Amino acid sequence: MRLAKTHITRLLRRNSIVAETHQAGEWVQVVAEIDQYVKARHALLTQGFYLGDCQIYPDGRRSMLIGQLLLH
């Protein structure tokens, strides 16, 4: 099951978090400045999502891949 970018975007907006979201296959990539990145990471983890690869861009922004935990 693919995690929808729109679901993550809405969750971030509800929490007043400014971030870019991109669909990355079954993952959603979230890119933000460090202060917004920390807020986004907390909001997403407390909602039951999990983090994939994270990276730091040369301009200081952070990127993380967000996945959805599937229970069978």
PDB file of N, CA and C in Angstrom:
ATOM      1  N   MET A   1       0.835  -1.176   0.000  1.00  0.00           N
ATOM      2  CA  MET A   1       0.000   0.000   0.000  1.00  0.00           C
ATOM      3  C   MET A   1       0.880   1.239   0.000  1.00  0.00           C
ATOM      4  N   ARG A   2       0.612   2.142  -0.906  1.00  0.00           N
ATOM      5  CA  ARG A   2       1.426   3.335  -1.082  1.00  0.00           C
ATOM      6  C   ARG A   2       0.937   4.459  -0.168  1.00  0.00           C
ATOM      7  N   LEU A   3       1.860   5.089   0.517  1.00  0.00           N
ATOM      8  CA  LEU A   3       1.543   6.233   1.360  1.00  0.00           C
ATOM      9  C   LEU A   3       1.327   7.442   0.462  1.00  0.00           C
ATOM     10  N   ALA A   4       0.213   8.125   0.620  1.00  0.00           N
ATOM     11  CA  ALA A   4      -0.122   9.258  -0.250  1.00  0.00           C
ATOM     12  C   ALA A   4       0.508  10.552   0.254  1.00  0.00           C
ATOM     13  N   LYS A   5       1.112  11.279  -0.673  1.00  0.00           N
ATOM     14  CA  LYS A   5       1.720  12.566  -0.371  1.00  0.00           C
ATOM     15  C   LYS A   5       0.688  13.528   0.221  1.00  0.00           C
ATOM     16  N   THR A   6      -0.531  13.504  -0.289  1.00  0.00           N
ATOM     17  CA  THR A   6      -1.560  14.434   0.195  1.00  0.00           C
ATOM     18  C   THR A   6      -1.869  14.210   1.674  1.00  0.00           C
ATOM     19  N   HIS A   7      -1.819  12.961   2.130  1.00  0.00           N
ATOM     20  CA  HIS A   7      -2.068  12.653   3.542  1.00  0.00           C
ATOM     21  C   HIS A   7      -1.008  13.320   4.424  1.00  0.00           C
ATOM     22  N   ILE A   8       0.247  13.204   4.039  1.00  0.00           N
ATOM     23  CA  ILE A   8       1.343  13.808   4.805  1.00  0.00           C
ATOM     24  C   ILE A   8       1.256  15.333   4.738  1.00  0.00           C
ATOM     25  N   THR A   9       0.981  15.878   3.559  1.00  0.00           N
ATOM     26  CA  THR A   9       0.881  17.327   3.393  1.00  0.00           C
ATOM     27  C   THR A   9      -0.197  17.903   4.303  1.00  0.00           C
ATOM     28  N   ARG A  10      -1.346  17.261   4.360  1.00  0.00           N
ATOM     29  CA  ARG A  10      -2.434  17.734   5.240  1.00  0.00           C
ATOM     30  C   ARG A  10      -2.039  17.686   6.705  1.00  0.00           C
ATOM     31  N   LEU A  11      -1.392  16.602   7.109  1.00  0.00           N
ATOM     32  CA  LEU A  11      -0.960  16.477   8.499  1.00  0.00           C
ATOM     33  C   LEU A  11       0.019  17.590   8.860  1.00  0.00           C
ATOM     34  N   LEU A  12       0.945  17.894   7.963  1.00  0.00           N
ATOM     35  CA  LEU A  12       1.908  18.957   8.222  1.00  0.00           C
ATOM     36  C   LEU A  12       1.206  20.322   8.314  1.00  0.00           C
ATOM     37  N   ARG A  13       0.292  20.578   7.410  1.00  0.00           N
ATOM     38  CA  ARG A  13      -0.451  21.855   7.434  1.00  0.00           C
ATOM     39  C   ARG A  13      -1.259  22.012   8.717  1.00  0.00           C
ATOM     40  N   ARG A  14      -1.907  20.926   9.148  1.00  0.00           N
ATOM     41  CA  ARG A  14      -2.690  20.978  10.400  1.00  0.00           C
ATOM     42  C   ARG A  14      -1.823  21.363  11.583  1.00  0.00           C
ATOM     43  N   ASN A  15      -0.548  21.017  11.513  1.00  0.00           N
ATOM     44  CA  ASN A  15       0.395  21.326  12.587  1.00  0.00           C
ATOM     45  C   ASN A  15       1.209  22.594  12.304  1.00  0.00           C
ATOM     46  N   SER A  16       0.784  23.377  11.309  1.00  0.00           N
ATOM     47  CA  SER A  16       1.445  24.646  10.931  1.00  0.00           C
ATOM     48  C   SER A  16       2.920  24.458  10.600  1.00  0.00           C
ATOM     49  N   ILE A  17       3.236  23.375   9.906  1.00  0.00           N
ATOM     50  CA  ILE A  17       4.611  23.066   9.525  1.00  0.00           C
ATOM     51  C   ILE A  17       4.801  23.373   8.048  1.00  0.00           C
ATOM     52  N   VAL A  18       5.842  24.160   7.742  1.00  0.00           N
ATOM     53  CA  VAL A  18       6.155  24.522   6.358  1.00  0.00           C
ATOM     54  C   VAL A  18       7.214  23.557   5.843  1.00  0.00           C
ATOM     55  N   ALA A  19       6.837  22.742   4.850  1.00  0.00           N
ATOM     56  CA  ALA A  19       7.767  21.760   4.290  1.00  0.00           C
ATOM     57  C   ALA A  19       7.320  21.387   2.886  1.00  0.00           C
ATOM     58  N   GLU A  20       8.289  20.972   2.073  1.00  0.00           N
ATOM     59  CA  GLU A  20       7.987  20.438   0.745  1.00  0.00           C
ATOM     60  C   GLU A  20       7.739  18.942   0.893  1.00  0.00           C
ATOM     61  N   THR A  21       6.795  18.427   0.128  1.00  0.00           N
ATOM     62  CA  THR A  21       6.575  16.983   0.110  1.00  0.00           C
ATOM     63  C   THR A  21       6.643  16.489  -1.326  1.00  0.00           C
ATOM     64  N   HIS A  22       7.225  15.311  -1.498  1.00  0.00           N
ATOM     65  CA  HIS A  22       7.376  14.704  -2.815  1.00  0.00           C
ATOM     66  C   HIS A  22       7.065  13.220  -2.698  1.00  0.00           C
ATOM     67  N   GLN A  23       6.353  12.678  -3.676  1.00  0.00           N
ATOM     68  CA  GLN A  23       6.112  11.240  -3.698  1.00  0.00           C
ATOM     69  C   GLN A  23       7.390  10.546  -4.140  1.00  0.00           C
ATOM     70  N   ALA A  24       7.802   9.525  -3.427  1.00  0.00           N
ATOM     71  CA  ALA A  24       9.024   8.781  -3.745  1.00  0.00           C
ATOM     72  C   ALA A  24       8.700   7.291  -3.702  1.00  0.00           C
ATOM     73  N   GLY A  25       7.966   6.847  -4.691  1.00  0.00           N
ATOM     74  CA  GLY A  25       7.538   5.446  -4.712  1.00  0.00           C
ATOM     75  C   GLY A  25       6.525   5.204  -3.609  1.00  0.00           C
ATOM     76  N   GLU A  26       6.811   4.248  -2.736  1.00  0.00           N
ATOM     77  CA  GLU A  26       5.923   3.966  -1.610  1.00  0.00           C
ATOM     78  C   GLU A  26       6.169   4.897  -0.441  1.00  0.00           C
ATOM     79  N   TRP A  27       7.148   5.744  -0.536  1.00  0.00           N
ATOM     80  CA  TRP A  27       7.527   6.678   0.518  1.00  0.00           C
ATOM     81  C   TRP A  27       7.097   8.093   0.153  1.00  0.00           C
ATOM     82  N   VAL A  28       7.102   8.972   1.150  1.00  0.00           N
ATOM     83  CA  VAL A  28       6.923  10.400   0.920  1.00  0.00           C
ATOM     84  C   VAL A  28       8.162  11.096   1.466  1.00  0.00           C
ATOM     85  N   GLN A  29       8.767  11.935   0.628  1.00  0.00           N
ATOM     86  CA  GLN A  29       9.944  12.689   1.047  1.00  0.00           C
ATOM     87  C   GLN A  29       9.483  14.040   1.590  1.00  0.00           C
ATOM     88  N   VAL A  30      10.003  14.414   2.753  1.00  0.00           N
ATOM     89  CA  VAL A  30       9.695  15.698   3.373  1.00  0.00           C
ATOM     90  C   VAL A  30      10.999  16.483   3.448  1.00  0.00           C
ATOM     91  N   VAL A  31      10.982  17.713   2.924  1.00  0.00           N
ATOM     92  CA  VAL A  31      12.172  18.570   2.916  1.00  0.00           C
ATOM     93  C   VAL A  31      11.810  19.876   3.618  1.00  0.00           C
ATOM     94  N   ALA A  32      12.645  20.291   4.586  1.00  0.00           N
ATOM     95  CA  ALA A  32      12.329  21.504   5.341  1.00  0.00           C
ATOM     96  C   ALA A  32      13.582  22.095   5.987  1.00  0.00           C
ATOM     97  N   GLU A  33      13.456  23.355   6.394  1.00  0.00           N
ATOM     98  CA  GLU A  33      14.497  23.985   7.210  1.00  0.00           C
ATOM     99  C   GLU A  33      14.552  23.238   8.539  1.00  0.00           C
ATOM    100  N   ILE A  34      15.669  23.351   9.259  1.00  0.00           N
ATOM    101  CA  ILE A  34      15.897  22.534  10.456  1.00  0.00           C
ATOM    102  C   ILE A  34      14.794  22.678  11.506  1.00  0.00           C
ATOM    103  N   ASP A  35      14.317  23.881  11.776  1.00  0.00           N
ATOM    104  CA  ASP A  35      13.289  24.040  12.811  1.00  0.00           C
ATOM    105  C   ASP A  35      11.979  23.368  12.394  1.00  0.00           C
ATOM    106  N   GLN A  36      11.600  23.491  11.137  1.00  0.00           N
ATOM    107  CA  GLN A  36      10.389  22.857  10.632  1.00  0.00           C
ATOM    108  C   GLN A  36      10.575  21.345  10.501  1.00  0.00           C
ATOM    109  N   TYR A  37      11.793  20.922  10.177  1.00  0.00           N
ATOM    110  CA  TYR A  37      12.118  19.501  10.066  1.00  0.00           C
ATOM    111  C   TYR A  37      11.905  18.791  11.407  1.00  0.00           C
ATOM    112  N   VAL A  38      12.375  19.424  12.483  1.00  0.00           N
ATOM    113  CA  VAL A  38      12.238  18.826  13.813  1.00  0.00           C
ATOM    114  C   VAL A  38      10.761  18.708  14.188  1.00  0.00           C
ATOM    115  N   LYS A  39       9.979  19.753  13.922  1.00  0.00           N
ATOM    116  CA  LYS A  39       8.538  19.716  14.206  1.00  0.00           C
ATOM    117  C   LYS A  39       7.848  18.644  13.363  1.00  0.00           C
ATOM    118  N   ALA A  40       8.218  18.554  12.085  1.00  0.00           N
ATOM    119  CA  ALA A  40       7.612  17.572  11.184  1.00  0.00           C
ATOM    120  C   ALA A  40       7.942  16.150  11.640  1.00  0.00           C
ATOM    121  N   ARG A  41       9.190  15.920  11.984  1.00  0.00           N
ATOM    122  CA  ARG A  41       9.603  14.581  12.440  1.00  0.00           C
ATOM    123  C   ARG A  41       8.796  14.164  13.667  1.00  0.00           C
ATOM    124  N   HIS A  42       8.654  15.069  14.620  1.00  0.00           N
ATOM    125  CA  HIS A  42       7.897  14.772  15.845  1.00  0.00           C
ATOM    126  C   HIS A  42       6.428  14.483  15.517  1.00  0.00           C
ATOM    127  N   ALA A  43       5.813  15.346  14.696  1.00  0.00           N
ATOM    128  CA  ALA A  43       4.402  15.176  14.344  1.00  0.00           C
ATOM    129  C   ALA A  43       4.162  13.848  13.631  1.00  0.00           C
ATOM    130  N   LEU A  44       5.046  13.485  12.720  1.00  0.00           N
ATOM    131  CA  LEU A  44       4.870  12.260  11.947  1.00  0.00           C
ATOM    132  C   LEU A  44       5.122  11.008  12.786  1.00  0.00           C
ATOM    133  N   LEU A  45       6.148  11.047  13.629  1.00  0.00           N
ATOM    134  CA  LEU A  45       6.440   9.883  14.469  1.00  0.00           C
ATOM    135  C   LEU A  45       5.338   9.647  15.490  1.00  0.00           C
ATOM    136  N   THR A  46       4.767  10.712  16.043  1.00  0.00           N
ATOM    137  CA  THR A  46       3.692  10.533  17.024  1.00  0.00           C
ATOM    138  C   THR A  46       2.398  10.052  16.376  1.00  0.00           C
ATOM    139  N   GLN A  47       2.292  10.170  15.056  1.00  0.00           N
ATOM    140  CA  GLN A  47       1.122   9.670  14.335  1.00  0.00           C
ATOM    141  C   GLN A  47       1.322   8.247  13.828  1.00  0.00           C
ATOM    142  N   GLY A  48       2.459   7.626  14.151  1.00  0.00           N
ATOM    143  CA  GLY A  48       2.675   6.229  13.804  1.00  0.00           C
ATOM    144  C   GLY A  48       3.422   5.983  12.507  1.00  0.00           C
ATOM    145  N   PHE A  49       3.953   7.028  11.881  1.00  0.00           N
ATOM    146  CA  PHE A  49       4.757   6.844  10.672  1.00  0.00           C
ATOM    147  C   PHE A  49       6.190   6.526  11.093  1.00  0.00           C
ATOM    148  N   TYR A  50       6.993   6.018  10.179  1.00  0.00           N
ATOM    149  CA  TYR A  50       8.389   5.774  10.517  1.00  0.00           C
ATOM    150  C   TYR A  50       9.309   6.442   9.518  1.00  0.00           C
ATOM    151  N   LEU A  51      10.524   6.702   9.978  1.00  0.00           N
ATOM    152  CA  LEU A  51      11.529   7.395   9.179  1.00  0.00           C
ATOM    153  C   LEU A  51      12.368   6.414   8.390  1.00  0.00           C
ATOM    154  N   GLY A  52      12.636   6.795   7.145  1.00  0.00           N
ATOM    155  CA  GLY A  52      13.584   6.075   6.319  1.00  0.00           C
ATOM    156  C   GLY A  52      14.876   6.873   6.293  1.00  0.00           C
ATOM    157  N   ASP A  53      15.507   6.942   5.140  1.00  0.00           N
ATOM    158  CA  ASP A  53      16.762   7.686   5.001  1.00  0.00           C
ATOM    159  C   ASP A  53      16.562   9.167   5.247  1.00  0.00           C
ATOM    160  N   CYS A  54      17.547   9.778   5.888  1.00  0.00           N
ATOM    161  CA  CYS A  54      17.555  11.217   6.139  1.00  0.00           C
ATOM    162  C   CYS A  54      18.847  11.781   5.549  1.00  0.00           C
ATOM    163  N   GLN A  55      18.802  13.027   5.109  1.00  0.00           N
ATOM    164  CA  GLN A  55      20.021  13.647   4.599  1.00  0.00           C
ATOM    165  C   GLN A  55      19.982  15.142   4.835  1.00  0.00           C
ATOM    166  N   ILE A  56      21.168  15.761   4.763  1.00  0.00           N
ATOM    167  CA  ILE A  56      21.316  17.209   4.914  1.00  0.00           C
ATOM    168  C   ILE A  56      21.787  17.768   3.579  1.00  0.00           C
ATOM    169  N   TYR A  57      21.080  18.783   3.075  1.00  0.00           N
ATOM    170  CA  TYR A  57      21.455  19.426   1.828  1.00  0.00           C
ATOM    171  C   TYR A  57      22.499  20.506   2.086  1.00  0.00           C
ATOM    172  N   PRO A  58      23.291  20.875   1.067  1.00  0.00           N
ATOM    173  CA  PRO A  58      24.312  21.914   1.234  1.00  0.00           C
ATOM    174  C   PRO A  58      23.751  23.259   1.731  1.00  0.00           C
ATOM    175  N   ASP A  59      22.478  23.547   1.412  1.00  0.00           N
ATOM    176  CA  ASP A  59      21.884  24.812   1.863  1.00  0.00           C
ATOM    177  C   ASP A  59      21.345  24.741   3.290  1.00  0.00           C
ATOM    178  N   GLY A  60      21.519  23.611   3.968  1.00  0.00           N
ATOM    179  CA  GLY A  60      21.123  23.473   5.364  1.00  0.00           C
ATOM    180  C   GLY A  60      19.768  22.813   5.580  1.00  0.00           C
ATOM    181  N   ARG A  61      18.975  22.652   4.523  1.00  0.00           N
ATOM    182  CA  ARG A  61      17.689  21.979   4.678  1.00  0.00           C
ATOM    183  C   ARG A  61      17.907  20.494   4.969  1.00  0.00           C
ATOM    184  N   ARG A  62      16.933  19.894   5.607  1.00  0.00           N
ATOM    185  CA  ARG A  62      16.969  18.463   5.916  1.00  0.00           C
ATOM    186  C   ARG A  62      15.904  17.754   5.097  1.00  0.00           C
ATOM    187  N   SER A  63      16.165  16.492   4.809  1.00  0.00           N
ATOM    188  CA  SER A  63      15.233  15.672   4.052  1.00  0.00           C
ATOM    189  C   SER A  63      15.070  14.343   4.770  1.00  0.00           C
ATOM    190  N   MET A  64      13.833  13.837   4.792  1.00  0.00           N
ATOM    191  CA  MET A  64      13.586  12.508   5.378  1.00  0.00           C
ATOM    192  C   MET A  64      12.542  11.797   4.543  1.00  0.00           C
ATOM    193  N   LEU A  65      12.670  10.494   4.475  1.00  0.00           N
ATOM    194  CA  LEU A  65      11.666   9.666   3.838  1.00  0.00           C
ATOM    195  C   LEU A  65      10.733   9.141   4.919  1.00  0.00           C
ATOM    196  N   ILE A  66       9.434   9.236   4.661  1.00  0.00           N
ATOM    197  CA  ILE A  66       8.428   8.804   5.614  1.00  0.00           C
ATOM    198  C   ILE A  66       7.720   7.585   5.061  1.00  0.00           C
ATOM    199  N   GLY A  67       7.609   6.572   5.901  1.00  0.00           N
ATOM    200  CA  GLY A  67       6.905   5.359   5.514  1.00  0.00           C
ATOM    201  C   GLY A  67       5.732   5.108   6.434  1.00  0.00           C
ATOM    202  N   GLN A  68       4.868   4.226   5.994  1.00  0.00           N
ATOM    203  CA  GLN A  68       3.679   3.895   6.767  1.00  0.00           C
ATOM    204  C   GLN A  68       3.828   2.494   7.308  1.00  0.00           C
ATOM    205  N   LEU A  69       3.609   2.322   8.585  1.00  0.00           N
ATOM    206  CA  LEU A  69       3.682   1.012   9.211  1.00  0.00           C
ATOM    207  C   LEU A  69       2.431   0.218   8.850  1.00  0.00           C
ATOM    208  N   LEU A  70       2.628  -0.910   8.249  1.00  0.00           N
ATOM    209  CA  LEU A  70       1.502  -1.769   7.855  1.00  0.00           C
ATOM    210  C   LEU A  70       1.410  -2.942   8.807  1.00  0.00           C
ATOM    211  N   LEU A  71       0.253  -3.110   9.411  1.00  0.00           N
ATOM    212  CA  LEU A  71       0.035  -4.237  10.300  1.00  0.00           C
ATOM    213  C   LEU A  71      -0.783  -5.297   9.569  1.00  0.00           C
ATOM    214  N   HIS A  72      -0.303  -6.521   9.581  1.00  0.00           N
ATOM    215  CA  HIS A  72      -1.012  -7.604   8.875  1.00  0.00           C
ATOM    216  C   HIS A  72      -1.767  -8.450   9.866  1.00  0.00           C
TER     217      HIS A  72
END
